[in-house]
Protein backbone atom coordinates (compact mmCIF):
# COMPACT_ATOMS: atom_id res chain seq x y z
CA MET A 1 -3.02 3.29 -9.76
CA ALA A 2 -0.91 5.60 -7.67
CA ALA A 3 0.32 8.90 -8.99
CA MET A 4 3.70 9.33 -10.63
CA ILE A 5 5.71 12.51 -11.05
CA ILE A 6 6.96 12.48 -14.61
CA LEU A 7 9.19 15.55 -14.65
CA PHE A 8 9.69 19.02 -13.31
CA PRO A 9 6.29 20.54 -14.21
CA SER A 10 4.79 17.69 -12.22
CA LEU A 11 2.35 15.95 -14.51
CA VAL A 12 0.48 13.66 -12.18
CA ARG A 13 -2.59 11.47 -11.84
CA SER A 14 -4.62 11.10 -8.67
CA ALA A 15 -4.41 7.91 -6.66
CA THR A 16 -7.41 5.69 -7.41
CA ALA A 17 -7.27 3.37 -4.43
CA GLU A 18 -6.31 3.50 -0.80
CA ALA A 19 -4.16 0.83 0.81
CA SER A 20 -5.92 -1.44 3.31
CA GLU A 21 -2.96 -1.05 5.67
CA PRO A 22 -0.58 1.88 6.15
CA LEU A 23 2.35 1.78 3.75
CA SER A 24 5.92 1.88 4.99
CA GLY A 25 8.08 4.75 3.77
CA GLN A 26 9.68 2.50 1.15
CA GLN A 27 6.30 1.17 -0.03
CA PHE A 28 4.90 4.68 -0.21
CA LEU A 29 7.84 5.90 -2.29
CA ARG A 30 7.43 2.91 -4.61
CA GLU A 31 3.91 4.11 -5.35
CA VAL A 32 5.16 7.65 -5.98
CA ARG A 33 7.69 6.25 -8.47
CA ARG A 34 5.16 4.15 -10.35
CA PRO A 35 5.21 5.13 -14.05
CA PHE A 36 2.15 5.65 -16.19
CA ARG A 37 0.91 2.47 -17.77
CA SER A 38 -0.06 4.30 -20.92
CA ASP A 39 1.81 6.25 -23.57
CA ALA A 40 1.16 9.98 -23.40
CA TRP A 41 2.55 13.30 -24.55
CA GLY A 42 2.29 16.95 -23.64
CA ARG A 43 3.26 20.53 -24.38
CA LEU A 44 3.64 23.34 -21.86
CA SER A 45 4.68 26.93 -22.37
CA GLY A 46 5.24 29.86 -20.05
CA SER A 47 8.12 31.77 -18.53
CA ILE A 48 11.00 31.48 -16.09
CA ALA A 49 12.30 34.40 -14.03
CA THR A 50 14.98 34.79 -11.38
CA LYS A 51 16.09 37.49 -8.99
CA GLY A 52 18.72 37.91 -6.32
CA ASP A 53 22.37 36.92 -6.57
CA LEU A 54 21.89 35.08 -9.88
CA LYS A 55 21.68 36.98 -13.15
CA HIS A 56 18.37 38.81 -13.30
CA ARG A 57 16.46 37.25 -16.15
CA ASN A 58 12.91 36.74 -17.36
CA GLU A 59 12.70 34.41 -20.34
CA PRO A 60 10.09 32.37 -22.23
CA LEU A 61 10.13 28.64 -21.55
CA SER A 62 8.51 25.76 -23.43
CA LEU A 63 8.49 22.05 -22.79
CA ALA A 64 7.51 19.10 -24.96
CA LEU A 65 7.45 15.57 -23.57
CA ARG A 66 6.70 11.91 -24.09
CA PHE A 67 6.25 9.50 -21.20
CA SER A 68 5.52 5.79 -20.93
CA PRO A 69 5.96 2.88 -18.51
CA HIS A 70 9.57 2.57 -19.74
CA GLY A 71 10.85 6.12 -19.46
CA MET A 72 10.44 9.71 -20.48
CA ALA A 73 11.85 12.10 -23.06
CA ALA A 74 11.57 15.87 -23.00
CA GLN A 75 12.62 18.90 -24.98
CA LEU A 76 13.12 22.14 -23.11
CA VAL A 77 13.48 25.41 -25.01
CA LEU A 78 14.85 28.24 -22.90
CA GLY A 79 14.58 31.83 -24.05
CA ALA A 80 13.73 30.67 -27.59
CA VAL A 81 17.50 30.27 -28.18
CA ASN A 82 18.66 27.14 -26.33
CA CYS A 83 17.19 23.67 -26.81
CA TYR A 84 17.85 20.88 -24.28
CA ARG A 85 16.97 17.22 -24.84
CA ILE A 86 16.45 15.29 -21.60
CA SER A 87 15.70 11.59 -21.17
CA GLN A 88 15.47 9.04 -18.39
CA ALA A 89 14.82 5.28 -18.48
CA TYR A 90 13.24 3.43 -15.58
CA SER A 91 15.37 0.28 -15.90
CA ALA A 92 18.12 1.22 -13.41
CA ALA A 93 17.81 1.47 -9.62
CA VAL A 94 18.86 5.13 -9.87
CA PRO A 95 18.05 6.06 -13.49
CA ASP A 96 20.67 8.09 -15.29
CA VAL A 97 19.54 11.41 -16.62
CA ARG A 98 20.80 12.04 -20.14
CA VAL A 99 21.05 15.61 -21.32
CA GLU A 100 21.90 16.92 -24.78
CA ARG A 101 22.90 20.53 -24.34
CA PRO A 102 22.84 23.19 -27.06
CA GLU A 103 26.14 23.76 -28.83
CA HIS A 104 26.23 27.47 -27.93
CA GLU A 105 25.04 27.87 -24.36
CA ASP A 106 27.24 30.70 -23.08
CA ALA A 107 24.73 33.52 -23.45
CA LEU A 108 21.94 31.77 -21.54
CA ASP A 109 21.80 28.45 -19.69
CA LEU A 110 19.87 26.65 -16.97
CA THR A 111 22.40 27.52 -14.26
CA ASP A 112 21.47 31.19 -14.70
CA PHE A 113 18.20 30.20 -13.02
CA GLY A 114 19.56 27.77 -10.42
CA VAL A 115 18.08 24.81 -12.32
CA LYS A 116 19.69 21.39 -12.80
CA PRO A 117 18.74 18.86 -15.52
CA GLU A 118 17.84 16.35 -12.79
CA ASP A 119 15.05 18.69 -11.67
CA PHE A 120 13.17 17.86 -14.85
CA THR A 121 13.12 14.12 -14.18
CA PHE A 122 12.88 14.06 -10.38
CA SER A 123 15.72 11.54 -10.17
CA PHE A 124 15.85 12.05 -6.38
CA LEU A 125 12.74 9.85 -6.15
CA TYR A 126 15.01 6.88 -6.85
CA TRP A 127 17.42 7.60 -4.00
CA ASN A 128 17.45 5.37 -0.92
CA VAL A 129 14.97 5.99 1.89
CA ASP A 130 17.05 6.88 4.95
CA GLU A 131 14.19 7.59 7.34
CA GLU A 132 10.65 8.87 7.56
CA LEU A 133 10.26 12.09 9.53
CA PRO A 134 7.10 13.19 11.36
CA GLY A 135 4.26 14.05 8.99
CA GLN A 136 3.29 17.67 8.36
CA ARG A 137 0.61 19.67 6.61
CA LEU A 138 1.63 21.82 3.67
CA ARG A 139 -0.73 23.97 1.62
CA GLY A 140 -3.70 22.22 3.19
CA GLN A 141 -2.40 18.74 2.31
CA SER A 142 -1.43 16.05 4.80
CA CYS A 143 2.13 15.06 3.88
CA ARG A 144 4.53 12.25 4.58
CA VAL A 145 8.08 13.54 4.94
CA LEU A 146 10.89 11.29 3.69
CA ARG A 147 14.65 11.76 3.96
CA LEU A 148 16.34 10.28 0.88
CA VAL A 149 20.08 9.73 0.30
CA HIS A 150 21.88 9.35 -3.02
CA PRO A 151 23.52 5.89 -2.97
CA ARG A 152 26.86 7.16 -4.32
CA SER A 153 27.34 10.85 -3.58
CA GLY A 154 25.64 10.95 -0.18
CA GLU A 155 23.60 14.02 -1.19
CA VAL A 156 20.36 14.27 0.79
CA ALA A 157 16.86 15.22 -0.32
CA VAL A 158 13.96 15.75 2.09
CA GLY A 159 10.59 15.56 0.38
CA TRP A 160 7.06 16.47 1.51
CA PHE A 161 4.65 14.08 -0.28
CA SER A 162 0.86 14.35 -0.33
CA ASP A 163 -0.34 11.12 1.28
CA LYS A 164 -3.58 11.37 -0.70
CA TYR A 165 -2.27 12.06 -4.19
CA PHE A 166 1.23 10.54 -3.97
CA PHE A 167 3.15 13.51 -5.30
CA PRO A 168 5.72 15.85 -3.74
CA LEU A 169 4.73 19.38 -2.82
CA LYS A 170 8.19 20.41 -1.69
CA VAL A 171 11.78 19.14 -1.68
CA CYS A 172 14.96 20.45 -0.05
CA TRP A 173 18.43 19.31 -1.15
CA TYR A 174 21.43 19.16 1.17
CA GLU A 175 25.08 18.48 0.53
CA ALA A 176 26.33 15.21 2.07
CA ASP A 177 27.40 16.93 5.31
CA GLY A 178 25.24 20.04 5.01
CA GLU A 179 22.97 21.29 7.77
CA GLU A 180 21.22 23.96 5.70
CA PRO A 181 19.50 23.21 2.37
CA SER A 182 21.49 24.17 -0.71
CA ARG A 183 18.31 24.45 -2.81
CA GLN A 184 14.58 24.22 -2.28
CA LEU A 185 11.78 23.49 -4.74
CA GLU A 186 8.06 23.94 -4.16
CA PHE A 187 4.99 23.35 -6.33
CA THR A 188 1.90 25.54 -6.15
CA ASP A 189 -1.40 25.98 -7.97
CA PHE A 190 -2.20 22.51 -9.32
CA ARG A 191 -4.56 22.31 -12.28
CA LYS A 192 -6.42 19.35 -13.77
CA GLN A 193 -6.44 18.63 -17.49
CA PRO A 194 -8.86 16.43 -19.50
CA GLY A 195 -8.03 12.76 -19.22
CA GLY A 196 -7.22 12.89 -15.52
CA PHE A 197 -3.83 14.59 -15.86
CA TRP A 198 -2.61 17.18 -13.38
CA PHE A 199 0.12 19.76 -13.73
CA THR A 200 1.65 22.46 -11.60
CA LYS A 201 1.07 25.93 -12.95
CA HIS A 202 3.66 27.54 -10.67
CA VAL A 203 7.04 26.18 -9.55
CA ARG A 204 9.35 27.94 -7.10
CA LEU A 205 13.06 27.31 -6.72
CA SER A 206 15.33 29.04 -4.26
CA GLY A 207 18.79 28.98 -2.76
CA LYS A 208 20.93 31.25 -0.66
CA GLY A 209 20.41 34.76 -2.02
CA TRP A 210 18.27 33.88 -5.06
CA LYS A 211 14.76 32.89 -6.12
CA THR A 212 13.37 31.50 -9.37
CA ARG A 213 9.77 31.13 -10.46
CA ILE A 214 8.39 29.11 -13.37
CA ARG A 215 4.88 29.78 -14.65
CA PHE A 216 3.08 27.59 -17.17
CA GLU A 217 0.23 29.38 -18.93
CA GLU A 218 -0.61 27.08 -21.87
CA VAL A 219 -0.83 23.32 -21.40
CA GLU A 220 -2.03 20.37 -23.45
CA VAL A 221 -1.60 16.75 -22.32
CA PHE A 222 -3.09 13.68 -23.98
CA ASN A 223 -2.91 9.92 -23.99
CA ARG A 224 -1.62 8.77 -27.36
CA GLU A 225 -4.72 6.62 -27.84
CA ASP A 226 -6.90 9.72 -27.48
CA ARG A 227 -4.82 11.99 -29.68
CA PRO A 228 -1.86 10.93 -31.87
CA VAL A 229 1.57 12.30 -31.02
CA PRO A 230 2.23 15.37 -33.21
CA SER A 231 4.96 14.79 -35.79
CA ASP A 232 6.55 18.11 -34.78
CA LEU A 233 6.45 17.50 -31.00
CA PHE A 234 10.22 17.77 -30.68
CA ASP A 235 10.80 20.40 -33.34
CA SER A 236 12.40 23.12 -31.27
CA GLY A 237 12.08 26.03 -33.67
CA VAL A 238 15.54 27.15 -32.49
CA ASP A 239 18.11 28.13 -35.09
CA ALA A 240 20.90 25.58 -34.64
CA ARG A 241 23.59 27.67 -36.36
C-alpha cells in the first residue's frame, strides 16, 4: 500500500510495492492520497516558534488525532490556551476542511505563526494536477515535482514528492496569478514509530519576512487493534471559560 499523508505532522507509511510501469502524475498523486486502511490514533507534543515580521512567539503545541479510510479528526492545542478541532472526510473530490475555533482566540491564534487550518489536513493533495515538472533531488531523496491548481480559486501549489515513499518533502503555495510563493512548507528529520508509522519531527514554514518552526518531541501512534483509543484522546485540558 502506498503512503498517505494524514495531516500536518506528516504521519506516513512506507510504500510496500513498486509499480511495474511508471505512474503518470495523476496516478502517482492518487497513491499519495490513498488513506490508511486501518483505524489508528496518535498523540504528538512539542513547540511552535516564529520570528521575523510576525509576532515573535514560542509556544507549546500538542496534537491528538484519529484517522481511518473515511477521514480524519484532530485536536490541536496551541499555547495551552486555545483548542482547535479539525476534521476532513475523504468523500468529496476536494474535501472540505472543518474547523471549530476556540471562542476566545484574540490573544493567540494560528495566524500569529503563519499557519492555516488546511495545513493540518494537506487539502492541496486533492487539487487538480496541472502539470508535472522535471524531477529533482531534495534532502537526498529523488522527488517528483507536481504543479497542482485549486479547482475553484485558482491557487497553485507546487509539491516535491518522494518517489520512493510517496510523501511530500516540500510544498510552495502561490496566489492564482503569483510568480513568487506566498508561503513555503518543508519537512525534515523523519522518524519511524512502532507499527510502521512515520512522522516528521521538524516542520518549517516561511513567507516573506517570517519563519516558523514546529518541533515534535514526544510521539505515540498506534493502530486501534494494537492499542485501544484512549477515552481522553480529545480532552484538551484547556479551560473553556
